[in-house]
Amino acid sequence: MSATHETSSFESAHIPVPRQVAVAVAYRFITSSDHVQPRVEYLIVSSRKHPASWVLPKGGVEANEISDHGSAALREAWEEGGIRGKVVDRLHESTDPKAHRAVTKLKIFIPRAEYSFWLIRVDEDQMGLDSASWPEKHERERRWVGREEAIELVRWREDGAVDALMKVDETALVHSSP
């Protein structure tokens, strides 16, 4: 019997880690002309890979944000949409339905990314819509839309954005508005 220990390919393989992605579900209130009840709108931005398609602002969590993904969502809202806001709540978590590229030999499913969705309130004084520049201004378009339109426009991504938007309690938001 041999004294040497042979490791299996599974034991010696590097197990990949899903990319951590923070997603901004940024909203604002628009007062209706009758001033009865404000309307809630959500920020969507054009996708860089698919310019005719829309996404929620999102991006990788940086090393200094590992313990605070909400800060990463705020940063992405600024970089991609030119807005600043305040984190209200963690809404939702999901995993990418696509497997990490490095797992083909392991025969196990490891998602390519793990998403955390953060509800971000944008007040008029934080809107930044008049700002001359933000990091991705020349790479993306931005729009403010109602929830139903946002859901239809981001549905193609299959990253959990629809579920996150559905979890927003707009009635509670309106009642908590100033």
N, C-alpha and C. Protein backbone atom coordinates (compact mmCIF):
# COMPACT_ATOMS: atom_id res chain seq x y z
N MET A 1 0.84 -1.17 0.00
CA MET A 1 0.00 0.00 0.00
C MET A 1 0.89 1.24 0.00
N SER A 2 0.61 2.18 -0.84
CA SER A 2 1.42 3.38 -0.97
C SER A 2 1.14 4.36 0.15
N ALA A 3 2.19 5.03 0.62
CA ALA A 3 2.05 6.02 1.69
C ALA A 3 1.71 7.39 1.13
N THR A 4 1.81 7.57 -0.14
CA THR A 4 1.50 8.88 -0.71
C THR A 4 0.00 9.03 -0.86
N HIS A 5 -0.45 10.24 -0.66
CA HIS A 5 -1.87 10.54 -0.76
C HIS A 5 -2.12 11.29 -2.07
N GLU A 6 -2.97 10.74 -2.88
CA GLU A 6 -3.32 11.42 -4.12
C GLU A 6 -4.57 12.25 -3.89
N THR A 7 -4.53 13.50 -4.31
CA THR A 7 -5.71 14.34 -4.15
C THR A 7 -6.57 14.23 -5.39
N SER A 8 -7.84 14.27 -5.18
CA SER A 8 -8.76 14.23 -6.32
C SER A 8 -8.73 15.59 -7.00
N SER A 9 -9.23 15.62 -8.22
CA SER A 9 -9.27 16.90 -8.93
C SER A 9 -10.19 17.87 -8.20
N PHE A 10 -11.21 17.35 -7.51
CA PHE A 10 -12.11 18.23 -6.76
C PHE A 10 -11.38 18.88 -5.59
N GLU A 11 -10.59 18.10 -4.87
CA GLU A 11 -9.87 18.62 -3.71
C GLU A 11 -8.84 19.67 -4.11
N SER A 12 -8.19 19.48 -5.22
CA SER A 12 -7.13 20.41 -5.61
C SER A 12 -7.65 21.57 -6.45
N ALA A 13 -8.88 21.50 -6.87
CA ALA A 13 -9.43 22.56 -7.71
C ALA A 13 -9.71 23.81 -6.88
N HIS A 14 -9.51 24.93 -7.52
CA HIS A 14 -9.86 26.20 -6.88
C HIS A 14 -11.37 26.39 -7.01
N ILE A 15 -12.04 26.58 -5.90
CA ILE A 15 -13.49 26.77 -5.94
C ILE A 15 -13.75 28.26 -6.15
N PRO A 16 -14.38 28.64 -7.25
CA PRO A 16 -14.63 30.05 -7.52
C PRO A 16 -15.68 30.63 -6.57
N VAL A 17 -15.61 31.93 -6.40
CA VAL A 17 -16.54 32.64 -5.54
C VAL A 17 -17.40 33.54 -6.43
N PRO A 18 -18.72 33.57 -6.20
CA PRO A 18 -19.56 34.45 -7.01
C PRO A 18 -19.17 35.92 -6.81
N ARG A 19 -19.30 36.69 -7.85
CA ARG A 19 -19.06 38.14 -7.77
C ARG A 19 -20.17 38.76 -6.93
N GLN A 20 -19.82 39.62 -6.01
CA GLN A 20 -20.80 40.32 -5.18
C GLN A 20 -21.22 41.59 -5.90
N VAL A 21 -22.53 41.73 -6.15
CA VAL A 21 -23.04 42.87 -6.90
C VAL A 21 -24.10 43.59 -6.07
N ALA A 22 -23.94 44.90 -5.93
CA ALA A 22 -24.92 45.73 -5.23
C ALA A 22 -25.78 46.44 -6.27
N VAL A 23 -27.09 46.44 -6.03
CA VAL A 23 -28.04 47.02 -6.98
C VAL A 23 -28.83 48.13 -6.29
N ALA A 24 -28.93 49.28 -6.94
CA ALA A 24 -29.67 50.42 -6.40
C ALA A 24 -31.10 50.42 -6.94
N VAL A 25 -32.06 50.32 -6.04
CA VAL A 25 -33.47 50.52 -6.39
C VAL A 25 -33.79 51.93 -5.89
N ALA A 26 -33.40 52.91 -6.71
CA ALA A 26 -33.52 54.32 -6.32
C ALA A 26 -34.91 54.83 -6.70
N TYR A 27 -35.54 55.53 -5.75
CA TYR A 27 -36.87 56.07 -6.02
C TYR A 27 -36.94 57.53 -5.60
N ARG A 28 -37.92 58.22 -6.18
CA ARG A 28 -38.21 59.60 -5.82
C ARG A 28 -39.71 59.78 -5.82
N PHE A 29 -40.16 60.86 -5.20
CA PHE A 29 -41.57 61.21 -5.21
C PHE A 29 -41.79 62.35 -6.20
N ILE A 30 -42.87 62.24 -6.95
CA ILE A 30 -43.30 63.30 -7.85
C ILE A 30 -44.68 63.73 -7.38
N THR A 31 -44.81 65.01 -7.06
CA THR A 31 -46.09 65.51 -6.59
C THR A 31 -47.00 65.72 -7.79
N SER A 32 -48.20 65.20 -7.67
CA SER A 32 -49.16 65.35 -8.76
C SER A 32 -49.70 66.78 -8.77
N SER A 33 -50.27 67.17 -9.88
CA SER A 33 -50.78 68.53 -10.00
C SER A 33 -51.91 68.81 -9.01
N ASP A 34 -52.64 67.78 -8.60
CA ASP A 34 -53.71 67.99 -7.63
C ASP A 34 -53.20 67.94 -6.19
N HIS A 35 -51.91 67.65 -6.02
CA HIS A 35 -51.25 67.62 -4.70
C HIS A 35 -51.92 66.66 -3.72
N VAL A 36 -52.66 65.68 -4.23
CA VAL A 36 -53.34 64.74 -3.34
C VAL A 36 -52.36 63.71 -2.80
N GLN A 37 -51.71 63.00 -3.68
CA GLN A 37 -50.77 61.96 -3.24
C GLN A 37 -49.60 61.91 -4.21
N PRO A 38 -48.38 61.91 -3.67
CA PRO A 38 -47.23 61.85 -4.57
C PRO A 38 -47.15 60.50 -5.29
N ARG A 39 -46.54 60.53 -6.46
CA ARG A 39 -46.32 59.32 -7.25
C ARG A 39 -44.87 58.88 -7.04
N VAL A 40 -44.63 57.58 -7.04
CA VAL A 40 -43.28 57.04 -6.87
C VAL A 40 -42.71 56.69 -8.24
N GLU A 41 -41.48 57.14 -8.50
CA GLU A 41 -40.78 56.80 -9.73
C GLU A 41 -39.44 56.17 -9.38
N TYR A 42 -38.96 55.30 -10.28
CA TYR A 42 -37.71 54.56 -10.08
C TYR A 42 -36.71 54.93 -11.16
N LEU A 43 -35.44 54.97 -10.77
CA LEU A 43 -34.37 55.26 -11.71
C LEU A 43 -33.96 54.00 -12.45
N ILE A 44 -33.93 54.08 -13.76
CA ILE A 44 -33.36 53.01 -14.59
C ILE A 44 -32.32 53.66 -15.50
N VAL A 45 -31.33 52.89 -15.88
CA VAL A 45 -30.27 53.40 -16.76
C VAL A 45 -30.09 52.43 -17.92
N SER A 46 -29.59 52.95 -19.02
CA SER A 46 -29.35 52.08 -20.18
C SER A 46 -28.17 51.16 -19.89
N SER A 47 -28.27 49.96 -20.42
CA SER A 47 -27.21 48.97 -20.27
C SER A 47 -26.06 49.33 -21.21
N ARG A 48 -24.83 49.18 -20.74
CA ARG A 48 -23.68 49.44 -21.63
C ARG A 48 -23.53 48.34 -22.67
N LYS A 49 -23.77 47.09 -22.28
CA LYS A 49 -23.63 45.97 -23.23
C LYS A 49 -24.77 45.94 -24.24
N HIS A 50 -25.95 46.34 -23.80
CA HIS A 50 -27.15 46.30 -24.63
C HIS A 50 -27.81 47.69 -24.57
N PRO A 51 -27.30 48.67 -25.32
CA PRO A 51 -27.73 50.06 -25.19
C PRO A 51 -29.23 50.32 -25.37
N ALA A 52 -29.93 49.42 -26.04
CA ALA A 52 -31.38 49.60 -26.21
C ALA A 52 -32.16 49.03 -25.03
N SER A 53 -31.47 48.45 -24.07
CA SER A 53 -32.12 47.82 -22.91
C SER A 53 -31.83 48.62 -21.65
N TRP A 54 -32.67 48.41 -20.64
CA TRP A 54 -32.59 49.17 -19.39
C TRP A 54 -32.32 48.25 -18.21
N VAL A 55 -31.62 48.79 -17.21
CA VAL A 55 -31.27 48.05 -15.99
C VAL A 55 -31.38 48.99 -14.79
N LEU A 56 -31.39 48.40 -13.60
CA LEU A 56 -31.21 49.19 -12.39
C LEU A 56 -29.71 49.42 -12.24
N PRO A 57 -29.30 50.57 -11.68
CA PRO A 57 -27.86 50.79 -11.47
C PRO A 57 -27.28 49.70 -10.58
N LYS A 58 -26.17 49.13 -11.01
CA LYS A 58 -25.57 48.04 -10.23
C LYS A 58 -24.11 47.89 -10.59
N GLY A 59 -23.39 47.23 -9.69
CA GLY A 59 -21.98 46.98 -9.97
C GLY A 59 -21.33 46.20 -8.85
N GLY A 60 -20.11 45.79 -9.10
CA GLY A 60 -19.37 44.99 -8.15
C GLY A 60 -19.07 45.72 -6.86
N VAL A 61 -19.14 44.97 -5.77
CA VAL A 61 -18.81 45.51 -4.45
C VAL A 61 -17.29 45.57 -4.35
N GLU A 62 -16.78 46.73 -3.98
CA GLU A 62 -15.33 46.90 -3.85
C GLU A 62 -14.86 46.44 -2.48
N ALA A 63 -13.56 46.21 -2.34
CA ALA A 63 -12.99 45.65 -1.11
C ALA A 63 -13.38 46.44 0.13
N ASN A 64 -13.41 47.77 0.03
CA ASN A 64 -13.76 48.58 1.20
C ASN A 64 -15.26 48.61 1.48
N GLU A 65 -16.06 47.94 0.66
CA GLU A 65 -17.52 47.91 0.83
C GLU A 65 -18.04 46.54 1.23
N ILE A 66 -17.16 45.58 1.46
CA ILE A 66 -17.57 44.20 1.74
C ILE A 66 -18.57 44.12 2.88
N SER A 67 -18.38 44.90 3.93
CA SER A 67 -19.29 44.83 5.07
C SER A 67 -20.46 45.80 4.93
N ASP A 68 -20.53 46.55 3.82
CA ASP A 68 -21.60 47.52 3.64
C ASP A 68 -21.98 47.62 2.16
N HIS A 69 -22.74 46.65 1.70
CA HIS A 69 -23.15 46.64 0.29
C HIS A 69 -24.06 47.82 -0.04
N GLY A 70 -24.74 48.38 0.96
CA GLY A 70 -25.57 49.56 0.72
C GLY A 70 -24.74 50.72 0.20
N SER A 71 -23.54 50.89 0.72
CA SER A 71 -22.64 51.94 0.23
C SER A 71 -22.27 51.70 -1.22
N ALA A 72 -22.09 50.44 -1.58
CA ALA A 72 -21.79 50.11 -2.98
C ALA A 72 -22.97 50.47 -3.88
N ALA A 73 -24.19 50.22 -3.42
CA ALA A 73 -25.38 50.57 -4.20
C ALA A 73 -25.47 52.09 -4.38
N LEU A 74 -25.16 52.85 -3.32
CA LEU A 74 -25.15 54.31 -3.42
C LEU A 74 -24.11 54.78 -4.44
N ARG A 75 -22.94 54.18 -4.40
CA ARG A 75 -21.87 54.54 -5.34
C ARG A 75 -22.31 54.26 -6.77
N GLU A 76 -22.92 53.10 -6.99
CA GLU A 76 -23.37 52.75 -8.34
C GLU A 76 -24.47 53.70 -8.83
N ALA A 77 -25.37 54.11 -7.94
CA ALA A 77 -26.42 55.06 -8.32
C ALA A 77 -25.80 56.37 -8.79
N TRP A 78 -24.73 56.80 -8.13
CA TRP A 78 -24.03 58.02 -8.55
C TRP A 78 -23.28 57.80 -9.86
N GLU A 79 -22.49 56.73 -9.94
CA GLU A 79 -21.66 56.51 -11.13
C GLU A 79 -22.49 56.31 -12.39
N GLU A 80 -23.56 55.53 -12.30
CA GLU A 80 -24.34 55.19 -13.49
C GLU A 80 -25.50 56.13 -13.75
N GLY A 81 -26.08 56.71 -12.69
CA GLY A 81 -27.27 57.53 -12.87
C GLY A 81 -27.14 58.98 -12.44
N GLY A 82 -26.02 59.35 -11.83
CA GLY A 82 -25.82 60.74 -11.45
C GLY A 82 -26.69 61.22 -10.31
N ILE A 83 -27.15 60.31 -9.47
CA ILE A 83 -28.00 60.72 -8.34
C ILE A 83 -27.34 60.32 -7.03
N ARG A 84 -27.71 61.06 -6.00
CA ARG A 84 -27.28 60.74 -4.64
C ARG A 84 -28.53 60.51 -3.82
N GLY A 85 -28.43 59.66 -2.83
CA GLY A 85 -29.60 59.37 -2.02
C GLY A 85 -29.21 58.80 -0.68
N LYS A 86 -30.19 58.18 -0.06
CA LYS A 86 -29.99 57.61 1.28
C LYS A 86 -30.56 56.20 1.28
N VAL A 87 -29.79 55.24 1.80
CA VAL A 87 -30.27 53.86 1.87
C VAL A 87 -31.41 53.78 2.87
N VAL A 88 -32.53 53.21 2.43
CA VAL A 88 -33.70 53.04 3.28
C VAL A 88 -33.76 51.62 3.83
N ASP A 89 -33.47 50.63 2.97
CA ASP A 89 -33.65 49.24 3.38
C ASP A 89 -32.94 48.30 2.41
N ARG A 90 -32.63 47.12 2.91
CA ARG A 90 -32.16 46.04 2.03
C ARG A 90 -33.43 45.32 1.59
N LEU A 91 -33.65 45.27 0.30
CA LEU A 91 -34.90 44.75 -0.24
C LEU A 91 -34.91 43.26 -0.53
N HIS A 92 -33.83 42.79 -1.14
CA HIS A 92 -33.90 41.47 -1.76
C HIS A 92 -32.49 40.97 -2.03
N GLU A 93 -32.36 39.66 -2.11
CA GLU A 93 -31.10 39.03 -2.53
C GLU A 93 -31.44 37.97 -3.57
N SER A 94 -30.57 37.81 -4.54
CA SER A 94 -30.78 36.76 -5.53
C SER A 94 -29.42 36.32 -6.08
N THR A 95 -29.45 35.20 -6.78
CA THR A 95 -28.22 34.71 -7.41
C THR A 95 -28.43 34.68 -8.92
N ASP A 96 -27.35 34.84 -9.63
CA ASP A 96 -27.38 34.79 -11.08
C ASP A 96 -27.77 33.38 -11.51
N PRO A 97 -28.71 33.23 -12.44
CA PRO A 97 -29.07 31.88 -12.89
C PRO A 97 -27.97 31.22 -13.73
N LYS A 98 -27.01 32.01 -14.15
CA LYS A 98 -25.90 31.46 -14.95
C LYS A 98 -24.78 31.01 -14.01
N ALA A 99 -24.14 29.92 -14.37
CA ALA A 99 -23.05 29.38 -13.55
C ALA A 99 -21.76 30.16 -13.76
N HIS A 100 -20.96 30.15 -12.74
CA HIS A 100 -19.62 30.73 -12.80
C HIS A 100 -18.84 29.98 -13.89
N ARG A 101 -18.07 30.68 -14.67
CA ARG A 101 -17.35 30.05 -15.79
C ARG A 101 -16.36 28.99 -15.35
N ALA A 102 -15.84 29.11 -14.15
CA ALA A 102 -14.77 28.21 -13.71
C ALA A 102 -15.27 26.90 -13.10
N VAL A 103 -16.57 26.61 -13.15
CA VAL A 103 -17.07 25.41 -12.47
C VAL A 103 -17.36 24.23 -13.38
N THR A 104 -17.01 24.30 -14.61
CA THR A 104 -17.34 23.21 -15.53
C THR A 104 -16.73 21.88 -15.10
N LYS A 105 -15.53 21.87 -14.56
CA LYS A 105 -14.89 20.63 -14.13
C LYS A 105 -15.41 20.14 -12.78
N LEU A 106 -15.94 21.05 -11.98
CA LEU A 106 -16.37 20.68 -10.63
C LEU A 106 -17.72 19.98 -10.61
N LYS A 107 -18.51 20.17 -11.63
CA LYS A 107 -19.84 19.57 -11.73
C LYS A 107 -20.76 19.95 -10.57
N ILE A 108 -20.59 21.18 -10.10
CA ILE A 108 -21.49 21.75 -9.10
C ILE A 108 -21.91 23.12 -9.60
N PHE A 109 -23.03 23.62 -9.11
CA PHE A 109 -23.49 24.94 -9.54
C PHE A 109 -23.00 25.99 -8.55
N ILE A 110 -22.24 26.91 -9.07
CA ILE A 110 -21.85 28.10 -8.32
C ILE A 110 -22.28 29.27 -9.19
N PRO A 111 -23.12 30.16 -8.66
CA PRO A 111 -23.61 31.26 -9.49
C PRO A 111 -22.48 32.21 -9.89
N ARG A 112 -22.66 32.82 -11.03
CA ARG A 112 -21.69 33.80 -11.52
C ARG A 112 -21.66 35.03 -10.60
N ALA A 113 -22.84 35.38 -10.04
CA ALA A 113 -22.92 36.57 -9.18
C ALA A 113 -24.00 36.38 -8.12
N GLU A 114 -23.83 37.11 -7.03
CA GLU A 114 -24.86 37.21 -5.99
C GLU A 114 -25.23 38.69 -5.89
N TYR A 115 -26.53 38.96 -6.01
CA TYR A 115 -27.03 40.34 -6.04
C TYR A 115 -27.68 40.70 -4.71
N SER A 116 -27.40 41.91 -4.23
CA SER A 116 -28.14 42.46 -3.09
C SER A 116 -28.77 43.77 -3.57
N PHE A 117 -30.07 43.88 -3.37
CA PHE A 117 -30.85 45.03 -3.85
C PHE A 117 -31.14 45.96 -2.68
N TRP A 118 -30.85 47.25 -2.88
CA TRP A 118 -30.98 48.25 -1.83
C TRP A 118 -31.94 49.35 -2.24
N LEU A 119 -32.93 49.61 -1.39
CA LEU A 119 -33.89 50.68 -1.63
C LEU A 119 -33.23 52.00 -1.24
N ILE A 120 -33.18 52.94 -2.17
CA ILE A 120 -32.51 54.22 -1.96
C ILE A 120 -33.48 55.35 -2.25
N ARG A 121 -33.67 56.19 -1.25
CA ARG A 121 -34.55 57.35 -1.41
C ARG A 121 -33.74 58.53 -1.94
N VAL A 122 -34.28 59.16 -2.98
CA VAL A 122 -33.64 60.32 -3.58
C VAL A 122 -34.57 61.51 -3.39
N ASP A 123 -34.14 62.46 -2.58
CA ASP A 123 -34.93 63.67 -2.39
C ASP A 123 -34.53 64.69 -3.44
N GLU A 124 -35.40 65.68 -3.65
CA GLU A 124 -35.14 66.66 -4.70
C GLU A 124 -33.77 67.31 -4.58
N ASP A 125 -33.35 67.62 -3.36
CA ASP A 125 -32.06 68.29 -3.18
C ASP A 125 -30.88 67.35 -3.42
N GLN A 126 -31.14 66.05 -3.54
CA GLN A 126 -30.08 65.07 -3.79
C GLN A 126 -30.11 64.55 -5.23
N MET A 127 -31.02 65.04 -6.02
CA MET A 127 -31.28 64.45 -7.32
C MET A 127 -30.07 64.47 -8.25
N GLY A 128 -29.33 65.55 -8.25
CA GLY A 128 -28.16 65.61 -9.11
C GLY A 128 -28.51 65.72 -10.59
N LEU A 129 -29.79 65.93 -10.90
CA LEU A 129 -30.19 65.98 -12.31
C LEU A 129 -29.63 67.20 -13.02
N ASP A 130 -29.26 68.24 -12.27
CA ASP A 130 -28.68 69.42 -12.89
C ASP A 130 -27.16 69.38 -12.87
N SER A 131 -26.61 68.30 -12.31
CA SER A 131 -25.15 68.22 -12.23
C SER A 131 -24.56 68.15 -13.63
N ALA A 132 -23.44 68.80 -13.80
CA ALA A 132 -22.82 68.86 -15.12
C ALA A 132 -22.24 67.51 -15.54
N SER A 133 -21.82 66.74 -14.57
CA SER A 133 -21.15 65.50 -14.93
C SER A 133 -21.23 64.47 -13.82
N TRP A 134 -21.24 63.23 -14.22
CA TRP A 134 -21.07 62.11 -13.30
C TRP A 134 -20.30 61.06 -14.08
N PRO A 135 -19.73 60.08 -13.41
CA PRO A 135 -18.78 59.19 -14.08
C PRO A 135 -19.23 58.55 -15.40
N GLU A 136 -20.48 58.12 -15.51
CA GLU A 136 -20.89 57.41 -16.73
C GLU A 136 -21.92 58.19 -17.56
N LYS A 137 -21.92 59.51 -17.40
CA LYS A 137 -22.89 60.35 -18.10
C LYS A 137 -22.86 60.14 -19.62
N HIS A 138 -21.68 59.98 -20.18
CA HIS A 138 -21.57 59.85 -21.64
C HIS A 138 -21.68 58.41 -22.12
N GLU A 139 -21.92 57.49 -21.17
CA GLU A 139 -22.03 56.07 -21.53
C GLU A 139 -23.44 55.53 -21.39
N ARG A 140 -24.29 56.26 -20.66
CA ARG A 140 -25.63 55.75 -20.35
C ARG A 140 -26.68 56.85 -20.44
N GLU A 141 -27.90 56.41 -20.68
CA GLU A 141 -29.05 57.30 -20.53
C GLU A 141 -29.71 56.95 -19.21
N ARG A 142 -30.50 57.86 -18.67
CA ARG A 142 -31.24 57.56 -17.44
C ARG A 142 -32.68 58.00 -17.61
N ARG A 143 -33.55 57.30 -16.92
CA ARG A 143 -34.99 57.62 -16.96
C ARG A 143 -35.58 57.37 -15.59
N TRP A 144 -36.61 58.14 -15.28
CA TRP A 144 -37.43 57.90 -14.08
C TRP A 144 -38.77 57.38 -14.58
N VAL A 145 -39.18 56.23 -14.09
CA VAL A 145 -40.42 55.60 -14.56
C VAL A 145 -41.19 55.02 -13.38
N GLY A 146 -42.48 54.77 -13.60
CA GLY A 146 -43.30 54.11 -12.59
C GLY A 146 -42.89 52.64 -12.44
N ARG A 147 -43.39 52.01 -11.38
CA ARG A 147 -42.97 50.63 -11.09
C ARG A 147 -43.32 49.66 -12.22
N GLU A 148 -44.52 49.72 -12.73
CA GLU A 148 -44.91 48.76 -13.78
C GLU A 148 -44.02 48.88 -15.01
N GLU A 149 -43.71 50.11 -15.40
CA GLU A 149 -42.83 50.30 -16.56
C GLU A 149 -41.41 49.82 -16.24
N ALA A 150 -40.94 50.11 -15.03
CA ALA A 150 -39.60 49.65 -14.62
C ALA A 150 -39.53 48.13 -14.69
N ILE A 151 -40.55 47.46 -14.18
CA ILE A 151 -40.58 45.99 -14.20
C ILE A 151 -40.49 45.47 -15.63
N GLU A 152 -41.28 46.04 -16.52
CA GLU A 152 -41.26 45.58 -17.91
C GLU A 152 -39.90 45.83 -18.57
N LEU A 153 -39.28 46.96 -18.26
CA LEU A 153 -38.02 47.31 -18.92
C LEU A 153 -36.81 46.53 -18.39
N VAL A 154 -36.85 46.07 -17.14
CA VAL A 154 -35.69 45.35 -16.58
C VAL A 154 -35.89 43.83 -16.55
N ARG A 155 -37.07 43.37 -16.94
CA ARG A 155 -37.40 41.93 -16.87
C ARG A 155 -36.38 41.05 -17.62
N TRP A 156 -35.85 41.51 -18.72
CA TRP A 156 -34.93 40.73 -19.56
C TRP A 156 -33.69 40.26 -18.81
N ARG A 157 -33.29 40.94 -17.75
CA ARG A 157 -32.04 40.63 -17.06
C ARG A 157 -32.08 39.34 -16.25
N GLU A 158 -33.20 38.94 -15.73
CA GLU A 158 -33.33 37.73 -14.92
C GLU A 158 -32.34 37.72 -13.76
N ASP A 159 -32.15 38.87 -13.11
CA ASP A 159 -31.20 38.97 -12.00
C ASP A 159 -31.87 39.23 -10.65
N GLY A 160 -33.19 39.19 -10.61
CA GLY A 160 -33.90 39.45 -9.36
C GLY A 160 -34.47 40.85 -9.27
N ALA A 161 -34.23 41.69 -10.28
CA ALA A 161 -34.70 43.08 -10.24
C ALA A 161 -36.22 43.16 -10.16
N VAL A 162 -36.91 42.30 -10.89
CA VAL A 162 -38.38 42.32 -10.86
C VAL A 162 -38.87 42.00 -9.45
N ASP A 163 -38.31 40.97 -8.83
CA ASP A 163 -38.71 40.61 -7.46
C ASP A 163 -38.43 41.76 -6.50
N ALA A 164 -37.30 42.41 -6.65
CA ALA A 164 -36.96 43.54 -5.77
C ALA A 164 -37.97 44.67 -5.93
N LEU A 165 -38.30 45.02 -7.17
CA LEU A 165 -39.27 46.09 -7.40
C LEU A 165 -40.65 45.73 -6.85
N MET A 166 -41.02 44.46 -6.95
CA MET A 166 -42.32 44.01 -6.43
C MET A 166 -42.37 44.09 -4.90
N LYS A 167 -41.23 44.01 -4.24
CA LYS A 167 -41.19 44.04 -2.78
C LYS A 167 -41.33 45.45 -2.20
N VAL A 168 -41.19 46.46 -3.04
CA VAL A 168 -41.30 47.83 -2.54
C VAL A 168 -42.75 48.10 -2.16
N ASP A 169 -42.97 48.52 -0.93
CA ASP A 169 -44.30 48.86 -0.45
C ASP A 169 -44.52 50.36 -0.70
N GLU A 170 -45.05 50.68 -1.88
CA GLU A 170 -45.21 52.09 -2.27
C GLU A 170 -46.16 52.83 -1.34
N THR A 171 -47.17 52.16 -0.84
CA THR A 171 -48.10 52.82 0.08
C THR A 171 -47.36 53.29 1.33
N ALA A 172 -46.51 52.43 1.87
CA ALA A 172 -45.73 52.82 3.05
C ALA A 172 -44.76 53.95 2.71
N LEU A 173 -44.17 53.91 1.52
CA LEU A 173 -43.25 54.99 1.12
C LEU A 173 -43.97 56.32 1.08
N VAL A 174 -45.15 56.34 0.46
CA VAL A 174 -45.91 57.58 0.33
C VAL A 174 -46.30 58.11 1.70
N HIS A 175 -46.71 57.22 2.60
CA HIS A 175 -47.12 57.67 3.94
C HIS A 175 -45.94 58.14 4.77
N SER A 176 -44.73 57.73 4.40
CA SER A 176 -43.55 58.17 5.13
C SER A 176 -42.89 59.39 4.49
N SER A 177 -43.44 59.84 3.35
CA SER A 177 -42.84 60.98 2.65
C SER A 177 -43.07 62.26 3.45
N PRO A 178 -42.14 63.21 3.33
CA PRO A 178 -42.26 64.46 4.09
C PRO A 178 -43.42 65.31 3.63
